[in-house]
Amino acid sequence: MKNTKIDELIHLSIINIEKLLLIFIVAGTVWAACFDIIDMFDTQNKMALSDLFLLFIYAEVLGMIGAFYRDNRIPVTLPLIIAMTALTRMIVLTTKGSDTIDIVYESLGILILAISALILSYKDKLSLQKLRDYENIANEPE
């Protein structure tokens, strides 16, 4: 016999903890972005390409959280895009004096992530189409 009150309480607790963690992630992302922007203007007098990639990563993290609040799910492709941006930033930062094979491996990592994002995006579109088709069949009068 299942106690539904306890199940509902546990479910509600998990949802609230998840929201609290997401708010903390948003606050931390904004905090880090602000400090990095201030640091960019204080120390460099110019903005480097790696700095722009870092700001783009912050924007993608915020976009991922926004997508979660809009759809109650995180598309798998967003973390893959963040990982591709992070690898690209790493290549930009470490290219000078690096072994050529390391750059090839990092580039292959980006390619693998891009192919994965493409496959998962296509799979997601197929799943949504199947769901729509199922709903259309269920709603048809007999």
Protein backbone atom coordinates (compact mmCIF):
# COMPACT_ATOMS: atom_id res chain seq x y z
CA MET A 1 0.00 0.00 0.00
CA LYS A 2 1.40 3.33 -1.07
CA ASN A 3 1.28 6.46 1.07
CA THR A 4 0.50 9.18 -1.45
CA LYS A 5 0.88 12.06 1.04
CA ILE A 6 4.48 11.08 1.74
CA ASP A 7 5.14 10.57 -1.98
CA GLU A 8 3.74 14.02 -2.77
CA LEU A 9 5.82 15.59 0.01
CA ILE A 10 8.99 13.92 -1.26
CA HIS A 11 8.22 14.96 -4.83
CA LEU A 12 7.53 18.55 -3.79
CA SER A 13 10.72 18.64 -1.71
CA ILE A 14 12.81 17.45 -4.63
CA ILE A 15 11.25 20.01 -6.98
CA ASN A 16 11.90 22.83 -4.49
CA ILE A 17 15.50 21.73 -3.92
CA GLU A 18 15.99 21.61 -7.68
CA LYS A 19 14.63 25.15 -8.06
CA LEU A 20 16.82 26.38 -5.21
CA LEU A 21 19.90 24.86 -6.84
CA LEU A 22 18.99 26.41 -10.21
CA ILE A 23 18.61 29.83 -8.57
CA PHE A 24 22.02 29.34 -6.98
CA ILE A 25 23.50 28.41 -10.37
CA VAL A 26 21.96 31.54 -11.94
CA ALA A 27 23.31 33.74 -9.14
CA GLY A 28 26.75 32.12 -9.38
CA THR A 29 26.83 32.48 -13.15
CA VAL A 30 25.86 36.16 -13.02
CA TRP A 31 28.37 36.74 -10.18
CA ALA A 32 31.20 35.07 -12.13
CA ALA A 33 30.30 36.90 -15.35
CA CYS A 34 30.28 40.28 -13.59
CA PHE A 35 33.66 39.68 -12.01
CA ASP A 36 35.13 38.44 -15.28
CA ILE A 37 33.80 41.47 -17.15
CA ILE A 38 35.24 43.81 -14.52
CA ASP A 39 38.54 41.93 -14.68
CA MET A 40 38.61 42.17 -18.49
CA PHE A 41 38.40 45.96 -18.32
CA ASP A 42 40.74 46.35 -15.32
CA THR A 43 43.67 44.22 -16.40
CA GLN A 44 43.76 43.96 -20.16
CA ASN A 45 42.49 47.17 -21.74
CA LYS A 46 41.27 44.90 -24.52
CA MET A 47 39.01 41.92 -24.86
CA ALA A 48 40.53 38.68 -26.12
CA LEU A 49 38.71 36.01 -28.09
CA SER A 50 38.96 33.62 -25.13
CA ASP A 51 37.16 36.22 -22.98
CA LEU A 52 34.29 36.32 -25.45
CA PHE A 53 34.07 32.51 -25.42
CA LEU A 54 33.90 32.62 -21.61
CA LEU A 55 31.05 35.14 -21.71
CA PHE A 56 29.32 32.98 -24.31
CA ILE A 57 29.57 29.99 -21.94
CA TYR A 58 27.95 32.05 -19.18
CA ALA A 59 25.16 33.05 -21.57
CA GLU A 60 24.62 29.42 -22.59
CA VAL A 61 24.37 28.28 -18.96
CA LEU A 62 21.73 30.95 -18.32
CA GLY A 63 19.95 29.93 -21.53
CA MET A 64 19.95 26.30 -20.43
CA ILE A 65 18.33 27.23 -17.12
CA GLY A 66 15.82 29.43 -18.95
CA ALA A 67 14.95 26.51 -21.24
CA PHE A 68 14.41 24.31 -18.19
CA TYR A 69 11.97 26.82 -16.67
CA ARG A 70 10.15 27.24 -19.99
CA ASP A 71 9.84 23.54 -20.88
CA ASN A 72 10.54 21.74 -17.56
CA ARG A 73 13.32 19.85 -19.30
CA ILE A 74 16.84 20.57 -20.47
CA PRO A 75 17.51 19.72 -24.11
CA VAL A 76 20.54 17.43 -24.18
CA THR A 77 22.07 19.49 -26.97
CA LEU A 78 22.60 22.57 -24.77
CA PRO A 79 25.24 20.99 -22.47
CA LEU A 80 26.93 19.60 -25.59
CA ILE A 81 27.09 23.10 -27.08
CA ILE A 82 28.54 24.41 -23.82
CA ALA A 83 31.17 21.67 -23.92
CA MET A 84 32.04 22.54 -27.53
CA THR A 85 32.43 26.20 -26.59
CA ALA A 86 34.62 25.27 -23.61
CA LEU A 87 36.86 23.10 -25.81
CA THR A 88 37.08 25.88 -28.38
CA ARG A 89 38.10 28.31 -25.64
CA MET A 90 40.72 25.85 -24.42
CA ILE A 91 42.15 25.58 -27.94
CA VAL A 92 42.31 29.37 -28.24
CA LEU A 93 44.02 29.68 -24.84
CA THR A 94 46.54 26.85 -25.23
CA THR A 95 47.37 26.83 -28.95
CA LYS A 96 50.66 28.68 -28.59
CA GLY A 97 53.42 26.24 -27.76
CA SER A 98 51.09 23.24 -27.72
CA ASP A 99 51.86 19.99 -29.39
CA THR A 100 50.01 19.75 -32.70
CA ILE A 101 48.50 16.37 -31.82
CA ASP A 102 46.84 17.89 -28.73
CA ILE A 103 45.07 20.45 -30.91
CA VAL A 104 43.96 17.65 -33.26
CA TYR A 105 42.56 15.65 -30.31
CA GLU A 106 40.72 18.68 -28.95
CA SER A 107 39.33 19.43 -32.40
CA LEU A 108 38.21 15.82 -32.74
CA GLY A 109 36.46 16.21 -29.38
CA ILE A 110 34.54 19.18 -30.76
CA LEU A 111 33.65 17.20 -33.89
CA ILE A 112 32.39 14.26 -31.82
CA LEU A 113 30.31 16.59 -29.65
CA ALA A 114 28.90 18.32 -32.75
CA ILE A 115 27.92 15.00 -34.33
CA SER A 116 26.35 13.91 -31.05
CA ALA A 117 24.37 17.16 -30.83
CA LEU A 118 23.17 16.69 -34.42
CA ILE A 119 22.08 13.09 -33.78
CA LEU A 120 20.33 13.97 -30.51
CA SER A 121 18.63 16.97 -32.09
CA TYR A 122 17.33 14.77 -34.92
CA LYS A 123 16.22 12.11 -32.40
CA ASP A 124 14.41 14.76 -30.35
CA LYS A 125 12.55 16.01 -33.43
CA LEU A 126 11.53 12.44 -34.30
CA SER A 127 10.31 11.83 -30.74
CA LEU A 128 8.24 15.03 -30.78
CA GLN A 129 6.76 14.08 -34.16
CA LYS A 130 5.85 10.61 -32.85
CA LEU A 131 4.20 12.22 -29.82
CA ARG A 132 2.18 14.58 -32.04
CA ASP A 133 1.15 11.70 -34.32
CA TYR A 134 0.07 9.63 -31.30
CA GLU A 135 -1.97 12.55 -29.92
CA ASN A 136 -3.61 13.10 -33.32
CA ILE A 137 -4.57 9.42 -33.56
CA ALA A 138 -5.92 9.44 -29.98
CA ASN A 139 -8.00 12.54 -30.65
CA GLU A 140 -9.55 11.32 -33.92
CA PRO A 141 -13.24 10.42 -33.73
CA GLU A 142 -14.00 6.79 -34.44
